[in-house]
Amino acid sequence: MSRLSLWLNGLERAGKWGEDAVLVLMLVTMIALAAGQILLRNFMDVGFIWGDEMLRMLVLWLAVAGALAASREDKHISIDVLTRYLPGMMKTTAKLVIHAFTAVVCAVVAWHSFQFVQTSHEFGDVLLGNVPAWALQSVLPVGFGLIAWRYALFTLKDIASLFRSGDPA
């Protein structure tokens, strides 16, 4: 294996580890904040005024980060009964269509979520007291853009495997 290949594999492992670490950190933060809110409300009749809104934002961020992590190995929920039973070239062609469609849909969602975030910025919306809403909502266009990028790469790999000699995987 070449040095470049080893270096790229190391970067990929570091990226996966980073994504997983962010997911775990957000989940632990959500659990701690929710438990803290429950304990404070039930035993001291107080709570964090920003706690519920922060939990909603963490759910959004966790959902997008989870979707991004699922996309890294093409593990999104899909209904691909045909690809299980199709032979070689037909299976690759079906995967190509599915990957291309997913990339286009995610790119469209990224574009519209960007428009949403831009509108939120223009109106000066705030969350958590005084945090600009666009800063917290920006996870939507970034996340869907990254998923679109990944599925575009899957599509390119599918195209390349169609043109390779031999039986494509």
C-alpha atoms as a PDB file:
ATOM      1  CA  MET A   1       0.000   0.000   0.000  1.00  0.00           C
ATOM      2  CA  SER A   2       1.381   3.400  -0.939  1.00  0.00           C
ATOM      3  CA  ARG A   3       2.091   6.218   1.500  1.00  0.00           C
ATOM      4  CA  LEU A   4      -0.688   8.316  -0.025  1.00  0.00           C
ATOM      5  CA  SER A   5      -3.144   5.469   0.432  1.00  0.00           C
ATOM      6  CA  LEU A   6      -2.092   5.005   4.053  1.00  0.00           C
ATOM      7  CA  TRP A   7      -2.359   8.741   4.663  1.00  0.00           C
ATOM      8  CA  LEU A   8      -5.842   8.913   3.097  1.00  0.00           C
ATOM      9  CA  ASN A   9      -6.986   5.889   5.121  1.00  0.00           C
ATOM     10  CA  GLY A  10      -5.720   7.604   8.263  1.00  0.00           C
ATOM     11  CA  LEU A  11      -7.631  10.771   7.380  1.00  0.00           C
ATOM     12  CA  GLU A  12     -10.765   8.740   6.751  1.00  0.00           C
ATOM     13  CA  ARG A  13     -10.436   6.983  10.118  1.00  0.00           C
ATOM     14  CA  ALA A  14      -9.875  10.338  11.849  1.00  0.00           C
ATOM     15  CA  GLY A  15     -12.961  11.777  10.142  1.00  0.00           C
ATOM     16  CA  LYS A  16     -15.097   8.813  11.214  1.00  0.00           C
ATOM     17  CA  TRP A  17     -13.772   9.059  14.746  1.00  0.00           C
ATOM     18  CA  GLY A  18     -14.504  12.809  14.790  1.00  0.00           C
ATOM     19  CA  GLU A  19     -18.070  12.310  13.537  1.00  0.00           C
ATOM     20  CA  ASP A  20     -18.686   9.596  16.111  1.00  0.00           C
ATOM     21  CA  ALA A  21     -17.191  11.744  18.883  1.00  0.00           C
ATOM     22  CA  VAL A  22     -19.470  14.657  17.980  1.00  0.00           C
ATOM     23  CA  LEU A  23     -22.504  12.348  17.990  1.00  0.00           C
ATOM     24  CA  VAL A  24     -21.608  10.932  21.401  1.00  0.00           C
ATOM     25  CA  LEU A  25     -20.884  14.388  22.829  1.00  0.00           C
ATOM     26  CA  MET A  26     -24.229  15.750  21.630  1.00  0.00           C
ATOM     27  CA  LEU A  27     -26.138  12.731  22.932  1.00  0.00           C
ATOM     28  CA  VAL A  28     -24.458  12.879  26.339  1.00  0.00           C
ATOM     29  CA  THR A  29     -25.105  16.633  26.502  1.00  0.00           C
ATOM     30  CA  MET A  30     -28.775  16.091  25.666  1.00  0.00           C
ATOM     31  CA  ILE A  31     -29.184  13.391  28.299  1.00  0.00           C
ATOM     32  CA  ALA A  32     -27.402  15.462  30.962  1.00  0.00           C
ATOM     33  CA  LEU A  33     -29.402  18.596  30.147  1.00  0.00           C
ATOM     34  CA  ALA A  34     -32.733  16.761  30.113  1.00  0.00           C
ATOM     35  CA  ALA A  35     -31.954  14.947  33.375  1.00  0.00           C
ATOM     36  CA  GLY A  36     -30.766  18.206  34.936  1.00  0.00           C
ATOM     37  CA  GLN A  37     -33.964  19.973  33.891  1.00  0.00           C
ATOM     38  CA  ILE A  38     -36.090  17.190  35.376  1.00  0.00           C
ATOM     39  CA  LEU A  39     -34.175  17.165  38.661  1.00  0.00           C
ATOM     40  CA  LEU A  40     -34.153  20.952  38.986  1.00  0.00           C
ATOM     41  CA  ARG A  41     -37.878  21.259  38.250  1.00  0.00           C
ATOM     42  CA  ASN A  42     -38.988  18.410  40.484  1.00  0.00           C
ATOM     43  CA  PHE A  43     -36.777  19.050  43.494  1.00  0.00           C
ATOM     44  CA  MET A  44     -35.981  22.774  43.444  1.00  0.00           C
ATOM     45  CA  ASP A  45     -38.835  24.282  41.412  1.00  0.00           C
ATOM     46  CA  VAL A  46     -36.339  25.967  39.072  1.00  0.00           C
ATOM     47  CA  GLY A  47     -34.799  25.170  35.708  1.00  0.00           C
ATOM     48  CA  PHE A  48     -32.719  26.569  32.927  1.00  0.00           C
ATOM     49  CA  ILE A  49     -34.862  29.051  31.015  1.00  0.00           C
ATOM     50  CA  TRP A  50     -33.021  28.121  27.818  1.00  0.00           C
ATOM     51  CA  GLY A  51     -32.984  24.353  28.491  1.00  0.00           C
ATOM     52  CA  ASP A  52     -35.964  23.237  26.425  1.00  0.00           C
ATOM     53  CA  GLU A  53     -34.982  25.338  23.439  1.00  0.00           C
ATOM     54  CA  MET A  54     -31.409  24.043  23.680  1.00  0.00           C
ATOM     55  CA  LEU A  55     -32.692  20.453  23.721  1.00  0.00           C
ATOM     56  CA  ARG A  56     -34.687  21.118  20.538  1.00  0.00           C
ATOM     57  CA  MET A  57     -31.580  22.511  18.842  1.00  0.00           C
ATOM     58  CA  LEU A  58     -29.510  19.537  20.007  1.00  0.00           C
ATOM     59  CA  VAL A  59     -32.125  17.157  18.575  1.00  0.00           C
ATOM     60  CA  LEU A  60     -31.837  18.950  15.231  1.00  0.00           C
ATOM     61  CA  TRP A  61     -28.045  18.857  15.288  1.00  0.00           C
ATOM     62  CA  LEU A  62     -27.997  15.205  16.413  1.00  0.00           C
ATOM     63  CA  ALA A  63     -30.396  14.212  13.628  1.00  0.00           C
ATOM     64  CA  VAL A  64     -28.304  15.925  10.960  1.00  0.00           C
ATOM     65  CA  ALA A  65     -25.022  14.580  12.379  1.00  0.00           C
ATOM     66  CA  GLY A  66     -26.537  11.075  12.542  1.00  0.00           C
ATOM     67  CA  ALA A  67     -27.725  11.335   8.945  1.00  0.00           C
ATOM     68  CA  LEU A  68     -24.262  12.484   7.911  1.00  0.00           C
ATOM     69  CA  ALA A  69     -22.655   9.561   9.760  1.00  0.00           C
ATOM     70  CA  ALA A  70     -25.112   7.136   8.139  1.00  0.00           C
ATOM     71  CA  SER A  71     -24.281   8.520   4.704  1.00  0.00           C
ATOM     72  CA  ARG A  72     -20.545   7.946   5.044  1.00  0.00           C
ATOM     73  CA  GLU A  73     -20.968   4.243   4.314  1.00  0.00           C
ATOM     74  CA  ASP A  74     -24.242   4.424   2.390  1.00  0.00           C
ATOM     75  CA  LYS A  75     -26.179   3.147   5.416  1.00  0.00           C
ATOM     76  CA  HIS A  76     -29.214   5.398   5.045  1.00  0.00           C
ATOM     77  CA  ILE A  77     -32.657   3.891   5.203  1.00  0.00           C
ATOM     78  CA  SER A  78     -33.549   2.787   1.705  1.00  0.00           C
ATOM     79  CA  ILE A  79     -35.970   0.541  -0.063  1.00  0.00           C
ATOM     80  CA  ASP A  80     -33.749  -1.290  -2.467  1.00  0.00           C
ATOM     81  CA  VAL A  81     -35.283  -4.731  -2.751  1.00  0.00           C
ATOM     82  CA  LEU A  82     -34.257  -4.925  -6.392  1.00  0.00           C
ATOM     83  CA  THR A  83     -30.557  -4.354  -5.747  1.00  0.00           C
ATOM     84  CA  ARG A  84     -30.445  -7.447  -3.558  1.00  0.00           C
ATOM     85  CA  TYR A  85     -31.524  -9.715  -6.386  1.00  0.00           C
ATOM     86  CA  LEU A  86     -30.110  -8.024  -9.480  1.00  0.00           C
ATOM     87  CA  PRO A  87     -26.949  -9.400 -11.083  1.00  0.00           C
ATOM     88  CA  GLY A  88     -23.684  -7.418 -11.448  1.00  0.00           C
ATOM     89  CA  MET A  89     -24.115  -4.665 -14.037  1.00  0.00           C
ATOM     90  CA  MET A  90     -27.848  -4.189 -13.380  1.00  0.00           C
ATOM     91  CA  LYS A  91     -27.206  -3.924  -9.645  1.00  0.00           C
ATOM     92  CA  THR A  92     -24.562  -1.243 -10.207  1.00  0.00           C
ATOM     93  CA  THR A  93     -26.875   0.648 -12.557  1.00  0.00           C
ATOM     94  CA  ALA A  94     -29.690   0.562  -9.989  1.00  0.00           C
ATOM     95  CA  LYS A  95     -27.300   1.789  -7.283  1.00  0.00           C
ATOM     96  CA  LEU A  96     -26.147   4.566  -9.606  1.00  0.00           C
ATOM     97  CA  VAL A  97     -29.730   5.758 -10.093  1.00  0.00           C
ATOM     98  CA  ILE A  98     -30.454   5.579  -6.347  1.00  0.00           C
ATOM     99  CA  HIS A  99     -27.230   7.414  -5.435  1.00  0.00           C
ATOM    100  CA  ALA A 100     -27.775  10.098  -8.078  1.00  0.00           C
ATOM    101  CA  PHE A 101     -31.379  10.633  -6.973  1.00  0.00           C
ATOM    102  CA  THR A 102     -30.298  10.890  -3.323  1.00  0.00           C
ATOM    103  CA  ALA A 103     -27.567  13.395  -4.222  1.00  0.00           C
ATOM    104  CA  VAL A 104     -30.035  15.565  -6.153  1.00  0.00           C
ATOM    105  CA  VAL A 105     -32.687  15.465  -3.409  1.00  0.00           C
ATOM    106  CA  CYS A 106     -30.144  16.335  -0.703  1.00  0.00           C
ATOM    107  CA  ALA A 107     -28.732  19.154  -2.846  1.00  0.00           C
ATOM    108  CA  VAL A 108     -32.242  20.587  -3.298  1.00  0.00           C
ATOM    109  CA  VAL A 109     -32.905  20.327   0.443  1.00  0.00           C
ATOM    110  CA  ALA A 110     -29.531  21.978   1.150  1.00  0.00           C
ATOM    111  CA  TRP A 111     -30.399  24.841  -1.197  1.00  0.00           C
ATOM    112  CA  HIS A 112     -33.820  25.424   0.351  1.00  0.00           C
ATOM    113  CA  SER A 113     -32.483  25.157   3.889  1.00  0.00           C
ATOM    114  CA  PHE A 114     -29.841  27.716   2.917  1.00  0.00           C
ATOM    115  CA  GLN A 115     -32.660  30.001   1.772  1.00  0.00           C
ATOM    116  CA  PHE A 116     -34.410  29.401   5.114  1.00  0.00           C
ATOM    117  CA  VAL A 117     -31.265  30.244   7.090  1.00  0.00           C
ATOM    118  CA  GLN A 118     -30.688  33.337   4.968  1.00  0.00           C
ATOM    119  CA  THR A 119     -34.253  34.519   5.661  1.00  0.00           C
ATOM    120  CA  SER A 120     -33.759  33.885   9.356  1.00  0.00           C
ATOM    121  CA  HIS A 121     -30.602  36.001   9.212  1.00  0.00           C
ATOM    122  CA  GLU A 122     -32.383  38.821   7.380  1.00  0.00           C
ATOM    123  CA  PHE A 123     -35.177  38.939   9.954  1.00  0.00           C
ATOM    124  CA  GLY A 124     -32.711  38.870  12.849  1.00  0.00           C
ATOM    125  CA  ASP A 125     -34.253  35.830  14.534  1.00  0.00           C
ATOM    126  CA  VAL A 126     -32.683  34.811  17.841  1.00  0.00           C
ATOM    127  CA  LEU A 127     -32.696  31.608  19.878  1.00  0.00           C
ATOM    128  CA  LEU A 128     -31.558  30.773  23.391  1.00  0.00           C
ATOM    129  CA  GLY A 129     -32.052  34.341  24.493  1.00  0.00           C
ATOM    130  CA  ASN A 130     -29.700  36.218  22.211  1.00  0.00           C
ATOM    131  CA  VAL A 131     -27.936  33.732  19.901  1.00  0.00           C
ATOM    132  CA  PRO A 132     -28.578  34.443  16.218  1.00  0.00           C
ATOM    133  CA  ALA A 133     -30.884  31.690  14.960  1.00  0.00           C
ATOM    134  CA  TRP A 134     -29.068  31.399  11.644  1.00  0.00           C
ATOM    135  CA  ALA A 135     -25.910  30.244  13.438  1.00  0.00           C
ATOM    136  CA  LEU A 136     -27.742  27.299  15.006  1.00  0.00           C
ATOM    137  CA  GLN A 137     -29.851  26.560  11.922  1.00  0.00           C
ATOM    138  CA  SER A 138     -26.831  26.519   9.623  1.00  0.00           C
ATOM    139  CA  VAL A 139     -26.395  22.836  10.397  1.00  0.00           C
ATOM    140  CA  LEU A 140     -29.190  22.149   7.889  1.00  0.00           C
ATOM    141  CA  PRO A 141     -27.594  23.428   4.666  1.00  0.00           C
ATOM    142  CA  VAL A 142     -24.134  22.275   5.734  1.00  0.00           C
ATOM    143  CA  GLY A 143     -25.312  18.785   6.683  1.00  0.00           C
ATOM    144  CA  PHE A 144     -27.481  18.235   3.627  1.00  0.00           C
ATOM    145  CA  GLY A 145     -24.772  19.708   1.412  1.00  0.00           C
ATOM    146  CA  LEU A 146     -22.247  17.225   2.793  1.00  0.00           C
ATOM    147  CA  ILE A 147     -24.669  14.338   2.317  1.00  0.00           C
ATOM    148  CA  ALA A 148     -25.300  15.468  -1.271  1.00  0.00           C
ATOM    149  CA  TRP A 149     -21.525  15.602  -1.811  1.00  0.00           C
ATOM    150  CA  ARG A 150     -21.062  12.081  -0.453  1.00  0.00           C
ATOM    151  CA  TYR A 151     -23.814  10.664  -2.633  1.00  0.00           C
ATOM    152  CA  ALA A 152     -22.423  12.496  -5.663  1.00  0.00           C
ATOM    153  CA  LEU A 153     -19.119  10.728  -4.961  1.00  0.00           C
ATOM    154  CA  PHE A 154     -20.958   7.392  -4.650  1.00  0.00           C
ATOM    155  CA  THR A 155     -22.555   8.140  -8.023  1.00  0.00           C
ATOM    156  CA  LEU A 156     -19.154   8.823  -9.580  1.00  0.00           C
ATOM    157  CA  LYS A 157     -17.802   5.576  -8.124  1.00  0.00           C
ATOM    158  CA  ASP A 158     -20.792   3.715  -9.582  1.00  0.00           C
ATOM    159  CA  ILE A 159     -20.144   5.254 -13.000  1.00  0.00           C
ATOM    160  CA  ALA A 160     -16.482   4.282 -12.770  1.00  0.00           C
ATOM    161  CA  SER A 161     -17.364   0.707 -11.833  1.00  0.00           C
ATOM    162  CA  LEU A 162     -19.695   0.469 -14.831  1.00  0.00           C
ATOM    163  CA  PHE A 163     -16.793   1.279 -17.134  1.00  0.00           C
ATOM    164  CA  ARG A 164     -14.300  -0.996 -15.405  1.00  0.00           C
ATOM    165  CA  SER A 165     -13.655  -4.351 -16.935  1.00  0.00           C
ATOM    166  CA  GLY A 166     -14.911  -7.387 -15.121  1.00  0.00           C
ATOM    167  CA  ASP A 167     -17.887  -7.922 -12.886  1.00  0.00           C
ATOM    168  CA  PRO A 168     -18.700  -4.775 -10.849  1.00  0.00           C
ATOM    169  CA  ALA A 169     -19.431  -5.165  -7.148  1.00  0.00           C
END
